[in-house]
Amino acid sequence: MNPKALVALMLVGLVGLASADHDEHHHHGSVCALEREAQVALVGCLQEHLDEGVRTKLNAMQQRFECDQLHCVLQKMCERNQGTLEHSGNEFFTDAEKDAFRSTITACRDAAHQAN
């Protein structure tokens, strides 16, 4: 598989995974609408709680996008998708990985709200 196709698949995968933004497009609760510091904290929480397989795929996306930090990948995805992470379907991540990612985003956001 050529590198551009792999990057495209990884982007679609992460966007699909992050559909925890579902029905929150441009709303206050959207991951893309969070302030930079909140996004960085969310990414940190995700890195701590996602399983190694998903983290490995996310780190590969970080390298492909030539980002210094995983937060950069999140920002690029938000920019490319008009401010949302919602996208239907992908072929890169398994359904179990997508479910784990959605659950982890929700848990991390809930924990952040409780801490405030």
PDB file of N, CA and C in Angstrom:
ATOM      1  N   MET A   1       0.851  -1.169   0.000  1.00  0.00           N
ATOM      2  CA  MET A   1       0.000   0.000   0.000  1.00  0.00           C
ATOM      3  C   MET A   1       0.901   1.236   0.000  1.00  0.00           C
ATOM      4  N   ASN A   2       0.562   2.196  -0.827  1.00  0.00           N
ATOM      5  CA  ASN A   2       1.415   3.385  -0.880  1.00  0.00           C
ATOM      6  C   ASN A   2       1.169   4.267   0.346  1.00  0.00           C
ATOM      7  N   PRO A   3       2.158   5.090   0.704  1.00  0.00           N
ATOM      8  CA  PRO A   3       2.074   5.901   1.929  1.00  0.00           C
ATOM      9  C   PRO A   3       0.874   6.845   1.963  1.00  0.00           C
ATOM     10  N   LYS A   4       0.513   7.433   0.836  1.00  0.00           N
ATOM     11  CA  LYS A   4      -0.618   8.367   0.830  1.00  0.00           C
ATOM     12  C   LYS A   4      -1.923   7.643   1.138  1.00  0.00           C
ATOM     13  N   ALA A   5      -2.080   6.446   0.597  1.00  0.00           N
ATOM     14  CA  ALA A   5      -3.289   5.671   0.876  1.00  0.00           C
ATOM     15  C   ALA A   5      -3.341   5.275   2.342  1.00  0.00           C
ATOM     16  N   LEU A   6      -2.187   4.915   2.900  1.00  0.00           N
ATOM     17  CA  LEU A   6      -2.132   4.547   4.311  1.00  0.00           C
ATOM     18  C   LEU A   6      -2.509   5.732   5.198  1.00  0.00           C
ATOM     19  N   VAL A   7      -1.990   6.910   4.879  1.00  0.00           N
ATOM     20  CA  VAL A   7      -2.334   8.111   5.652  1.00  0.00           C
ATOM     21  C   VAL A   7      -3.831   8.382   5.543  1.00  0.00           C
ATOM     22  N   ALA A   8      -4.368   8.253   4.343  1.00  0.00           N
ATOM     23  CA  ALA A   8      -5.799   8.496   4.156  1.00  0.00           C
ATOM     24  C   ALA A   8      -6.628   7.515   4.974  1.00  0.00           C
ATOM     25  N   LEU A   9      -6.242   6.245   4.961  1.00  0.00           N
ATOM     26  CA  LEU A   9      -6.964   5.252   5.747  1.00  0.00           C
ATOM     27  C   LEU A   9      -6.863   5.534   7.238  1.00  0.00           C
ATOM     28  N   MET A  10      -5.679   5.933   7.686  1.00  0.00           N
ATOM     29  CA  MET A  10      -5.515   6.232   9.105  1.00  0.00           C
ATOM     30  C   MET A  10      -6.350   7.439   9.499  1.00  0.00           C
ATOM     31  N   LEU A  11      -6.382   8.461   8.647  1.00  0.00           N
ATOM     32  CA  LEU A  11      -7.180   9.645   8.939  1.00  0.00           C
ATOM     33  C   LEU A  11      -8.656   9.282   9.024  1.00  0.00           C
ATOM     34  N   VAL A  12      -9.124   8.531   8.040  1.00  0.00           N
ATOM     35  CA  VAL A  12     -10.521   8.109   8.054  1.00  0.00           C
ATOM     36  C   VAL A  12     -10.801   7.275   9.296  1.00  0.00           C
ATOM     37  N   GLY A  13      -9.837   6.438   9.659  1.00  0.00           N
ATOM     38  CA  GLY A  13     -10.002   5.600  10.843  1.00  0.00           C
ATOM     39  C   GLY A  13     -10.141   6.406  12.108  1.00  0.00           C
ATOM     40  N   LEU A  14      -9.257   7.351  12.291  1.00  0.00           N
ATOM     41  CA  LEU A  14      -9.309   8.149  13.517  1.00  0.00           C
ATOM     42  C   LEU A  14     -10.550   9.025  13.541  1.00  0.00           C
ATOM     43  N   VAL A  15     -10.913   9.546  12.394  1.00  0.00           N
ATOM     44  CA  VAL A  15     -12.122  10.364  12.329  1.00  0.00           C
ATOM     45  C   VAL A  15     -13.337   9.514  12.670  1.00  0.00           C
ATOM     46  N   GLY A  16     -13.374   8.321  12.127  1.00  0.00           N
ATOM     47  CA  GLY A  16     -14.482   7.422  12.441  1.00  0.00           C
ATOM     48  C   GLY A  16     -14.512   7.055  13.909  1.00  0.00           C
ATOM     49  N   LEU A  17     -13.343   6.799  14.446  1.00  0.00           N
ATOM     50  CA  LEU A  17     -13.250   6.461  15.868  1.00  0.00           C
ATOM     51  C   LEU A  17     -13.762   7.583  16.739  1.00  0.00           C
ATOM     52  N   ALA A  18     -13.464   8.757  16.359  1.00  0.00           N
ATOM     53  CA  ALA A  18     -13.783   9.905  17.199  1.00  0.00           C
ATOM     54  C   ALA A  18     -15.217  10.362  17.024  1.00  0.00           C
ATOM     55  N   SER A  19     -16.046   9.517  16.495  1.00  0.00           N
ATOM     56  CA  SER A  19     -17.429   9.928  16.304  1.00  0.00           C
ATOM     57  C   SER A  19     -18.164  10.059  17.625  1.00  0.00           C
ATOM     58  N   ALA A  20     -17.420  10.095  18.697  1.00  0.00           N
ATOM     59  CA  ALA A  20     -18.023  10.466  19.975  1.00  0.00           C
ATOM     60  C   ALA A  20     -18.533  11.898  19.884  1.00  0.00           C
ATOM     61  N   ASP A  21     -18.103  12.594  18.848  1.00  0.00           N
ATOM     62  CA  ASP A  21     -18.610  13.931  18.565  1.00  0.00           C
ATOM     63  C   ASP A  21     -20.008  13.859  17.952  1.00  0.00           C
ATOM     64  N   HIS A  22     -20.518  12.669  17.780  1.00  0.00           N
ATOM     65  CA  HIS A  22     -21.797  12.428  17.130  1.00  0.00           C
ATOM     66  C   HIS A  22     -22.857  13.415  17.608  1.00  0.00           C
ATOM     67  N   ASP A  23     -23.529  14.021  16.668  1.00  0.00           N
ATOM     68  CA  ASP A  23     -24.596  14.985  16.936  1.00  0.00           C
ATOM     69  C   ASP A  23     -24.136  16.200  17.728  1.00  0.00           C
ATOM     70  N   GLU A  24     -22.837  16.470  17.742  1.00  0.00           N
ATOM     71  CA  GLU A  24     -22.344  17.627  18.487  1.00  0.00           C
ATOM     72  C   GLU A  24     -21.622  18.603  17.564  1.00  0.00           C
ATOM     73  N   HIS A  25     -21.821  18.471  16.283  1.00  0.00           N
ATOM     74  CA  HIS A  25     -21.128  19.314  15.323  1.00  0.00           C
ATOM     75  C   HIS A  25     -21.317  20.788  15.674  1.00  0.00           C
ATOM     76  N   HIS A  26     -20.215  21.451  15.931  1.00  0.00           N
ATOM     77  CA  HIS A  26     -20.189  22.874  16.270  1.00  0.00           C
ATOM     78  C   HIS A  26     -20.911  23.202  17.570  1.00  0.00           C
ATOM     79  N   HIS A  27     -21.179  22.219  18.377  1.00  0.00           N
ATOM     80  CA  HIS A  27     -21.780  22.492  19.668  1.00  0.00           C
ATOM     81  C   HIS A  27     -20.693  22.600  20.709  1.00  0.00           C
ATOM     82  N   HIS A  28     -21.048  23.147  21.841  1.00  0.00           N
ATOM     83  CA  HIS A  28     -20.088  23.380  22.910  1.00  0.00           C
ATOM     84  C   HIS A  28     -19.367  22.105  23.327  1.00  0.00           C
ATOM     85  N   GLY A  29     -20.046  20.933  23.287  1.00  0.00           N
ATOM     86  CA  GLY A  29     -19.463  19.689  23.747  1.00  0.00           C
ATOM     87  C   GLY A  29     -18.558  19.009  22.742  1.00  0.00           C
ATOM     88  N   SER A  30     -18.455  19.520  21.549  1.00  0.00           N
ATOM     89  CA  SER A  30     -17.646  18.898  20.515  1.00  0.00           C
ATOM     90  C   SER A  30     -16.165  18.927  20.879  1.00  0.00           C
ATOM     91  N   VAL A  31     -15.488  17.820  20.607  1.00  0.00           N
ATOM     92  CA  VAL A  31     -14.049  17.756  20.859  1.00  0.00           C
ATOM     93  C   VAL A  31     -13.333  18.873  20.099  1.00  0.00           C
ATOM     94  N   CYS A  32     -13.737  19.126  18.878  1.00  0.00           N
ATOM     95  CA  CYS A  32     -13.095  20.169  18.071  1.00  0.00           C
ATOM     96  C   CYS A  32     -13.358  21.567  18.627  1.00  0.00           C
ATOM     97  N   ALA A  33     -14.459  21.742  19.354  1.00  0.00           N
ATOM     98  CA  ALA A  33     -14.800  23.054  19.901  1.00  0.00           C
ATOM     99  C   ALA A  33     -14.099  23.341  21.226  1.00  0.00           C
ATOM    100  N   LEU A  34     -13.431  22.342  21.785  1.00  0.00           N
ATOM    101  CA  LEU A  34     -12.734  22.543  23.056  1.00  0.00           C
ATOM    102  C   LEU A  34     -11.561  23.499  22.883  1.00  0.00           C
ATOM    103  N   GLU A  35     -11.248  24.222  23.938  1.00  0.00           N
ATOM    104  CA  GLU A  35     -10.053  25.067  23.939  1.00  0.00           C
ATOM    105  C   GLU A  35      -8.820  24.177  23.796  1.00  0.00           C
ATOM    106  N   ARG A  36      -7.732  24.759  23.321  1.00  0.00           N
ATOM    107  CA  ARG A  36      -6.512  24.000  23.070  1.00  0.00           C
ATOM    108  C   ARG A  36      -6.068  23.201  24.297  1.00  0.00           C
ATOM    109  N   GLU A  37      -6.078  23.828  25.457  1.00  0.00           N
ATOM    110  CA  GLU A  37      -5.625  23.155  26.679  1.00  0.00           C
ATOM    111  C   GLU A  37      -6.491  21.945  26.992  1.00  0.00           C
ATOM    112  N   ALA A  38      -7.791  22.078  26.771  1.00  0.00           N
ATOM    113  CA  ALA A  38      -8.711  20.967  27.020  1.00  0.00           C
ATOM    114  C   ALA A  38      -8.469  19.840  26.021  1.00  0.00           C
ATOM    115  N   GLN A  39      -8.186  20.193  24.761  1.00  0.00           N
ATOM    116  CA  GLN A  39      -7.867  19.171  23.766  1.00  0.00           C
ATOM    117  C   GLN A  39      -6.583  18.437  24.134  1.00  0.00           C
ATOM    118  N   VAL A  40      -5.574  19.174  24.561  1.00  0.00           N
ATOM    119  CA  VAL A  40      -4.299  18.561  24.955  1.00  0.00           C
ATOM    120  C   VAL A  40      -4.529  17.608  26.125  1.00  0.00           C
ATOM    121  N   ALA A  41      -5.320  18.037  27.095  1.00  0.00           N
ATOM    122  CA  ALA A  41      -5.619  17.184  28.248  1.00  0.00           C
ATOM    123  C   ALA A  41      -6.382  15.933  27.816  1.00  0.00           C
ATOM    124  N   LEU A  42      -7.326  16.095  26.894  1.00  0.00           N
ATOM    125  CA  LEU A  42      -8.089  14.955  26.391  1.00  0.00           C
ATOM    126  C   LEU A  42      -7.167  13.964  25.697  1.00  0.00           C
ATOM    127  N   VAL A  43      -6.277  14.462  24.856  1.00  0.00           N
ATOM    128  CA  VAL A  43      -5.332  13.590  24.155  1.00  0.00           C
ATOM    129  C   VAL A  43      -4.452  12.852  25.161  1.00  0.00           C
ATOM    130  N   GLY A  44      -4.010  13.551  26.201  1.00  0.00           N
ATOM    131  CA  GLY A  44      -3.210  12.902  27.241  1.00  0.00           C
ATOM    132  C   GLY A  44      -3.973  11.781  27.917  1.00  0.00           C
ATOM    133  N   CYS A  45      -5.231  12.032  28.216  1.00  0.00           N
ATOM    134  CA  CYS A  45      -6.077  11.017  28.832  1.00  0.00           C
ATOM    135  C   CYS A  45      -6.264   9.833  27.884  1.00  0.00           C
ATOM    136  N   LEU A  46      -6.489  10.115  26.619  1.00  0.00           N
ATOM    137  CA  LEU A  46      -6.653   9.043  25.636  1.00  0.00           C
ATOM    138  C   LEU A  46      -5.408   8.174  25.570  1.00  0.00           C
ATOM    139  N   GLN A  47      -4.247   8.808  25.543  1.00  0.00           N
ATOM    140  CA  GLN A  47      -2.996   8.059  25.466  1.00  0.00           C
ATOM    141  C   GLN A  47      -2.821   7.152  26.677  1.00  0.00           C
ATOM    142  N   GLU A  48      -3.287   7.595  27.826  1.00  0.00           N
ATOM    143  CA  GLU A  48      -3.163   6.795  29.047  1.00  0.00           C
ATOM    144  C   GLU A  48      -4.129   5.620  29.075  1.00  0.00           C
ATOM    145  N   HIS A  49      -5.298   5.768  28.453  1.00  0.00           N
ATOM    146  CA  HIS A  49      -6.354   4.783  28.632  1.00  0.00           C
ATOM    147  C   HIS A  49      -6.649   3.898  27.421  1.00  0.00           C
ATOM    148  N   LEU A  50      -6.191   4.262  26.243  1.00  0.00           N
ATOM    149  CA  LEU A  50      -6.422   3.406  25.078  1.00  0.00           C
ATOM    150  C   LEU A  50      -5.464   2.226  25.098  1.00  0.00           C
ATOM    151  N   ASP A  51      -5.882   1.123  24.495  1.00  0.00           N
ATOM    152  CA  ASP A  51      -4.995  -0.033  24.467  1.00  0.00           C
ATOM    153  C   ASP A  51      -3.838   0.210  23.501  1.00  0.00           C
ATOM    154  N   GLU A  52      -2.842  -0.620  23.622  1.00  0.00           N
ATOM    155  CA  GLU A  52      -1.598  -0.411  22.875  1.00  0.00           C
ATOM    156  C   GLU A  52      -1.804  -0.430  21.363  1.00  0.00           C
ATOM    157  N   GLY A  53      -2.694  -1.285  20.878  1.00  0.00           N
ATOM    158  CA  GLY A  53      -2.939  -1.365  19.442  1.00  0.00           C
ATOM    159  C   GLY A  53      -3.453  -0.061  18.859  1.00  0.00           C
ATOM    160  N   VAL A  54      -4.411   0.546  19.538  1.00  0.00           N
ATOM    161  CA  VAL A  54      -4.975   1.817  19.068  1.00  0.00           C
ATOM    162  C   VAL A  54      -3.930   2.920  19.189  1.00  0.00           C
ATOM    163  N   ARG A  55      -3.205   2.940  20.309  1.00  0.00           N
ATOM    164  CA  ARG A  55      -2.150   3.954  20.479  1.00  0.00           C
ATOM    165  C   ARG A  55      -1.101   3.830  19.380  1.00  0.00           C
ATOM    166  N   THR A  56      -0.759   2.622  19.007  1.00  0.00           N
ATOM    167  CA  THR A  56       0.223   2.411  17.940  1.00  0.00           C
ATOM    168  C   THR A  56      -0.282   3.003  16.630  1.00  0.00           C
ATOM    169  N   LYS A  57      -1.543   2.788  16.324  1.00  0.00           N
ATOM    170  CA  LYS A  57      -2.118   3.347  15.095  1.00  0.00           C
ATOM    171  C   LYS A  57      -2.152   4.874  15.146  1.00  0.00           C
ATOM    172  N   LEU A  58      -2.489   5.421  16.300  1.00  0.00           N
ATOM    173  CA  LEU A  58      -2.507   6.882  16.443  1.00  0.00           C
ATOM    174  C   LEU A  58      -1.102   7.462  16.305  1.00  0.00           C
ATOM    175  N   ASN A  59      -0.123   6.785  16.872  1.00  0.00           N
ATOM    176  CA  ASN A  59       1.264   7.247  16.752  1.00  0.00           C
ATOM    177  C   ASN A  59       1.742   7.186  15.306  1.00  0.00           C
ATOM    178  N   ALA A  60       1.280   6.192  14.560  1.00  0.00           N
ATOM    179  CA  ALA A  60       1.624   6.114  13.139  1.00  0.00           C
ATOM    180  C   ALA A  60       1.031   7.301  12.388  1.00  0.00           C
ATOM    181  N   MET A  61      -0.190   7.686  12.742  1.00  0.00           N
ATOM    182  CA  MET A  61      -0.802   8.860  12.116  1.00  0.00           C
ATOM    183  C   MET A  61      -0.002  10.114  12.445  1.00  0.00           C
ATOM    184  N   GLN A  62       0.467  10.204  13.673  1.00  0.00           N
ATOM    185  CA  GLN A  62       1.271  11.353  14.094  1.00  0.00           C
ATOM    186  C   GLN A  62       2.520  11.461  13.238  1.00  0.00           C
ATOM    187  N   GLN A  63       3.178  10.362  12.992  1.00  0.00           N
ATOM    188  CA  GLN A  63       4.384  10.365  12.164  1.00  0.00           C
ATOM    189  C   GLN A  63       4.056  10.710  10.722  1.00  0.00           C
ATOM    190  N   ARG A  64       2.989  10.146  10.194  1.00  0.00           N
ATOM    191  CA  ARG A  64       2.607  10.408   8.799  1.00  0.00           C
ATOM    192  C   ARG A  64       2.244  11.874   8.577  1.00  0.00           C
ATOM    193  N   PHE A  65       1.616  12.492   9.577  1.00  0.00           N
ATOM    194  CA  PHE A  65       1.248  13.906   9.477  1.00  0.00           C
ATOM    195  C   PHE A  65       2.391  14.827   9.867  1.00  0.00           C
ATOM    196  N   GLU A  66       3.527  14.236  10.235  1.00  0.00           N
ATOM    197  CA  GLU A  66       4.705  14.995  10.650  1.00  0.00           C
ATOM    198  C   GLU A  66       4.366  15.952  11.791  1.00  0.00           C
ATOM    199  N   CYS A  67       3.631  15.429  12.763  1.00  0.00           N
ATOM    200  CA  CYS A  67       3.244  16.196  13.945  1.00  0.00           C
ATOM    201  C   CYS A  67       4.212  15.901  15.081  1.00  0.00           C
ATOM    202  N   ASP A  68       4.533  16.928  15.853  1.00  0.00           N
ATOM    203  CA  ASP A  68       5.379  16.743  17.027  1.00  0.00           C
ATOM    204  C   ASP A  68       4.616  16.061  18.154  1.00  0.00           C
ATOM    205  N   GLN A  69       3.317  16.333  18.234  1.00  0.00           N
ATOM    206  CA  GLN A  69       2.481  15.782  19.302  1.00  0.00           C
ATOM    207  C   GLN A  69       1.207  15.213  18.701  1.00  0.00           C
ATOM    208  N   LEU A  70       0.608  14.272  19.413  1.00  0.00           N
ATOM    209  CA  LEU A  70      -0.632  13.666  18.948  1.00  0.00           C
ATOM    210  C   LEU A  70      -1.754  14.701  18.862  1.00  0.00           C
ATOM    211  N   HIS A  71      -1.683  15.731  19.690  1.00  0.00           N
ATOM    212  CA  HIS A  71      -2.683  16.797  19.647  1.00  0.00           C
ATOM    213  C   HIS A  71      -2.756  17.416  18.252  1.00  0.00           C
ATOM    214  N   CYS A  72      -1.631  17.505  17.576  1.00  0.00           N
ATOM    215  CA  CYS A  72      -1.568  18.049  16.216  1.00  0.00           C
ATOM    216  C   CYS A  72      -2.445  17.232  15.267  1.00  0.00           C
ATOM    217  N   VAL A  73      -2.465  15.914  15.434  1.00  0.00           N
ATOM    218  CA  VAL A  73      -3.300  15.048  14.596  1.00  0.00           C
ATOM    219  C   VAL A  73      -4.768  15.408  14.803  1.00  0.00           C
ATOM    220  N   LEU A  74      -5.165  15.590  16.053  1.00  0.00           N
ATOM    221  CA  LEU A  74      -6.538  15.978  16.362  1.00  0.00           C
ATOM    222  C   LEU A  74      -6.890  17.301  15.686  1.00  0.00           C
ATOM    223  N   GLN A  75      -6.002  18.277  15.781  1.00  0.00           N
ATOM    224  CA  GLN A  75      -6.246  19.581  15.163  1.00  0.00           C
ATOM    225  C   GLN A  75      -6.392  19.454  13.647  1.00  0.00           C
ATOM    226  N   LYS A  76      -5.523  18.680  13.025  1.00  0.00           N
ATOM    227  CA  LYS A  76      -5.590  18.521  11.570  1.00  0.00           C
ATOM    228  C   LYS A  76      -6.881  17.836  11.153  1.00  0.00           C
ATOM    229  N   MET A  77      -7.319  16.864  11.934  1.00  0.00           N
ATOM    230  CA  MET A  77      -8.576  16.197  11.618  1.00  0.00           C
ATOM    231  C   MET A  77      -9.745  17.158  11.736  1.00  0.00           C
ATOM    232  N   CYS A  78      -9.758  17.969  12.774  1.00  0.00           N
ATOM    233  CA  CYS A  78     -10.832  18.946  12.943  1.00  0.00           C
ATOM    234  C   CYS A  78     -10.843  19.938  11.780  1.00  0.00           C
ATOM    235  N   GLU A  79      -9.659  20.408  11.374  1.00  0.00           N
ATOM    236  CA  GLU A  79      -9.558  21.355  10.263  1.00  0.00           C
ATOM    237  C   GLU A  79     -10.060  20.740   8.964  1.00  0.00           C
ATOM    238  N   ARG A  80      -9.682  19.512   8.703  1.00  0.00           N
ATOM    239  CA  ARG A  80     -10.048  18.856   7.446  1.00  0.00           C
ATOM    240  C   ARG A  80     -11.514  18.476   7.384  1.00  0.00           C
ATOM    241  N   ASN A  81     -12.183  18.413   8.518  1.00  0.00           N
ATOM    242  CA  ASN A  81     -13.560  17.946   8.560  1.00  0.00           C
ATOM    243  C   ASN A  81     -14.515  19.007   9.077  1.00  0.00           C
ATOM    244  N   GLN A  82     -14.237  20.249   8.762  1.00  0.00           N
ATOM    245  CA  GLN A  82     -15.109  21.376   9.077  1.00  0.00           C
ATOM    246  C   GLN A  82     -15.505  21.432  10.549  1.00  0.00           C
ATOM    247  N   GLY A  83     -14.537  21.181  11.430  1.00  0.00           N
ATOM    248  CA  GLY A  83     -14.763  21.369  12.853  1.00  0.00           C
ATOM    249  C   GLY A  83     -15.439  20.227  13.580  1.00  0.00           C
ATOM    250  N   THR A  84     -15.457  19.061  12.985  1.00  0.00           N
ATOM    251  CA  THR A  84     -16.053  17.909  13.656  1.00  0.00           C
ATOM    252  C   THR A  84     -15.186  16.679  13.445  1.00  0.00           C
ATOM    253  N   LEU A  85     -15.302  15.737  14.350  1.00  0.00           N
ATOM    254  CA  LEU A  85     -14.607  14.464  14.187  1.00  0.00           C
ATOM    255  C   LEU A  85     -15.561  13.382  13.701  1.00  0.00           C
ATOM    256  N   GLU A  86     -16.808  13.740  13.533  1.00  0.00           N
ATOM    257  CA  GLU A  86     -17.803  12.758  13.119  1.00  0.00           C
ATOM    258  C   GLU A  86     -17.600  12.379  11.660  1.00  0.00           C
ATOM    259  N   HIS A  87     -17.571  11.116  11.418  1.00  0.00           N
ATOM    260  CA  HIS A  87     -17.523  10.566  10.072  1.00  0.00           C
ATOM    261  C   HIS A  87     -18.058   9.162  10.142  1.00  0.00           C
ATOM    262  N   SER A  88     -18.744   8.747   9.135  1.00  0.00           N
ATOM    263  CA  SER A  88     -19.280   7.391   9.166  1.00  0.00           C
ATOM    264  C   SER A  88     -18.314   6.432   8.496  1.00  0.00           C
ATOM    265  N   GLY A  89     -18.136   5.313   9.150  1.00  0.00           N
ATOM    266  CA  GLY A  89     -17.406   4.195   8.584  1.00  0.00           C
ATOM    267  C   GLY A  89     -15.940   4.436   8.309  1.00  0.00           C
ATOM    268  N   ASN A  90     -15.188   3.397   8.483  1.00  0.00           N
ATOM    269  CA  ASN A  90     -13.789   3.399   8.088  1.00  0.00           C
ATOM    270  C   ASN A  90     -13.341   1.963   7.993  1.00  0.00           C
ATOM    271  N   GLU A  91     -12.211   1.785   7.376  1.00  0.00           N
ATOM    272  CA  GLU A  91     -11.714   0.434   7.149  1.00  0.00           C
ATOM    273  C   GLU A  91     -10.379   0.189   7.829  1.00  0.00           C
ATOM    274  N   PHE A  92      -9.950   1.110   8.673  1.00  0.00           N
ATOM    275  CA  PHE A  92      -8.631   0.953   9.280  1.00  0.00           C
ATOM    276  C   PHE A  92      -8.699   0.366  10.678  1.00  0.00           C
ATOM    277  N   PHE A  93      -9.657   0.827  11.482  1.00  0.00           N
ATOM    278  CA  PHE A  93      -9.795   0.356  12.850  1.00  0.00           C
ATOM    279  C   PHE A  93     -10.915  -0.677  12.936  1.00  0.00           C
ATOM    280  N   THR A  94     -10.760  -1.624  13.823  1.00  0.00           N
ATOM    281  CA  THR A  94     -11.800  -2.621  14.037  1.00  0.00           C
ATOM    282  C   THR A  94     -12.976  -1.982  14.770  1.00  0.00           C
ATOM    283  N   ASP A  95     -14.115  -2.640  14.719  1.00  0.00           N
ATOM    284  CA  ASP A  95     -15.279  -2.131  15.445  1.00  0.00           C
ATOM    285  C   ASP A  95     -14.988  -2.043  16.939  1.00  0.00           C
ATOM    286  N   ALA A  96     -14.273  -3.032  17.466  1.00  0.00           N
ATOM    287  CA  ALA A  96     -13.929  -3.018  18.893  1.00  0.00           C
ATOM    288  C   ALA A  96     -13.049  -1.816  19.230  1.00  0.00           C
ATOM    289  N   GLU A  97     -12.094  -1.484  18.350  1.00  0.00           N
ATOM    290  CA  GLU A  97     -11.230  -0.320  18.574  1.00  0.00           C
ATOM    291  C   GLU A  97     -12.035   0.972  18.520  1.00  0.00           C
ATOM    292  N   LYS A  98     -12.974   1.051  17.582  1.00  0.00           N
ATOM    293  CA  LYS A  98     -13.825   2.240  17.489  1.00  0.00           C
ATOM    294  C   LYS A  98     -14.654   2.409  18.756  1.00  0.00           C
ATOM    295  N   ASP A  99     -15.229   1.308  19.225  1.00  0.00           N
ATOM    296  CA  ASP A  99     -16.022   1.369  20.457  1.00  0.00           C
ATOM    297  C   ASP A  99     -15.168   1.794  21.643  1.00  0.00           C
ATOM    298  N   ALA A 100     -13.963   1.235  21.731  1.00  0.00           N
ATOM    299  CA  ALA A 100     -13.058   1.579  22.834  1.00  0.00           C
ATOM    300  C   ALA A 100     -12.683   3.055  22.776  1.00  0.00           C
ATOM    301  N   PHE A 101     -12.431   3.564  21.578  1.00  0.00           N
ATOM    302  CA  PHE A 101     -12.054   4.965  21.419  1.00  0.00           C
ATOM    303  C   PHE A 101     -13.201   5.877  21.844  1.00  0.00           C
ATOM    304  N   ARG A 102     -14.407   5.568  21.386  1.00  0.00           N
ATOM    305  CA  ARG A 102     -15.574   6.381  21.759  1.00  0.00           C
ATOM    306  C   ARG A 102     -15.785   6.378  23.267  1.00  0.00           C
ATOM    307  N   SER A 103     -15.704   5.195  23.854  1.00  0.00           N
ATOM    308  CA  SER A 103     -15.891   5.079  25.306  1.00  0.00           C
ATOM    309  C   SER A 103     -14.823   5.850  26.066  1.00  0.00           C
ATOM    310  N   THR A 104     -13.596   5.785  25.577  1.00  0.00           N
ATOM    311  CA  THR A 104     -12.493   6.472  26.244  1.00  0.00           C
ATOM    312  C   THR A 104     -12.649   7.983  26.133  1.00  0.00           C
ATOM    313  N   ILE A 105     -13.058   8.472  24.973  1.00  0.00           N
ATOM    314  CA  ILE A 105     -13.305   9.914  24.825  1.00  0.00           C
ATOM    315  C   ILE A 105     -14.371  10.354  25.823  1.00  0.00           C
ATOM    316  N   THR A 106     -15.454   9.607  25.889  1.00  0.00           N
ATOM    317  CA  THR A 106     -16.542   9.954  26.803  1.00  0.00           C
ATOM    318  C   THR A 106     -16.068   9.937  28.248  1.00  0.00           C
ATOM    319  N   ALA A 107     -15.345   8.888  28.633  1.00  0.00           N
ATOM    320  CA  ALA A 107     -14.849   8.784  30.011  1.00  0.00           C
ATOM    321  C   ALA A 107     -13.878   9.913  30.342  1.00  0.00           C
ATOM    322  N   CYS A 108     -12.990  10.232  29.419  1.00  0.00           N
ATOM    323  CA  CYS A 108     -12.018  11.309  29.654  1.00  0.00           C
ATOM    324  C   CYS A 108     -12.713  12.661  29.767  1.00  0.00           C
ATOM    325  N   ARG A 109     -13.689  12.903  28.906  1.00  0.00           N
ATOM    326  CA  ARG A 109     -14.412  14.177  28.978  1.00  0.00           C
ATOM    327  C   ARG A 109     -15.218  14.268  30.258  1.00  0.00           C
ATOM    328  N   ASP A 110     -15.853  13.166  30.664  1.00  0.00           N
ATOM    329  CA  ASP A 110     -16.616  13.167  31.912  1.00  0.00           C
ATOM    330  C   ASP A 110     -15.704  13.429  33.106  1.00  0.00           C
ATOM    331  N   ALA A 111     -14.542  12.794  33.115  1.00  0.00           N
ATOM    332  CA  ALA A 111     -13.586  12.987  34.213  1.00  0.00           C
ATOM    333  C   ALA A 111     -13.112  14.436  34.267  1.00  0.00           C
ATOM    334  N   ALA A 112     -12.889  15.031  33.108  1.00  0.00           N
ATOM    335  CA  ALA A 112     -12.447  16.429  33.056  1.00  0.00           C
ATOM    336  C   ALA A 112     -13.535  17.360  33.587  1.00  0.00           C
ATOM    337  N   HIS A 113     -14.789  17.082  33.242  1.00  0.00           N
ATOM    338  CA  HIS A 113     -15.895  17.920  33.725  1.00  0.00           C
ATOM    339  C   HIS A 113     -16.055  17.798  35.234  1.00  0.00           C
ATOM    340  N   GLN A 114     -15.870  16.592  35.756  1.00  0.00           N
ATOM    341  CA  GLN A 114     -15.997  16.382  37.198  1.00  0.00           C
ATOM    342  C   GLN A 114     -14.866  17.067  37.956  1.00  0.00           C
ATOM    343  N   ALA A 115     -13.701  17.156  37.330  1.00  0.00           N
ATOM    344  CA  ALA A 115     -12.544  17.788  37.981  1.00  0.00           C
ATOM    345  C   ALA A 115     -12.703  19.302  38.052  1.00  0.00           C
ATOM    346  N   ASN A 116     -13.516  19.861  37.190  1.00  0.00           N
ATOM    347  CA  ASN A 116     -13.688  21.324  37.152  1.00  0.00           C
ATOM    348  C   ASN A 116     -14.731  21.782  38.087  1.00  0.00           C
TER     349      ASN A 116
END
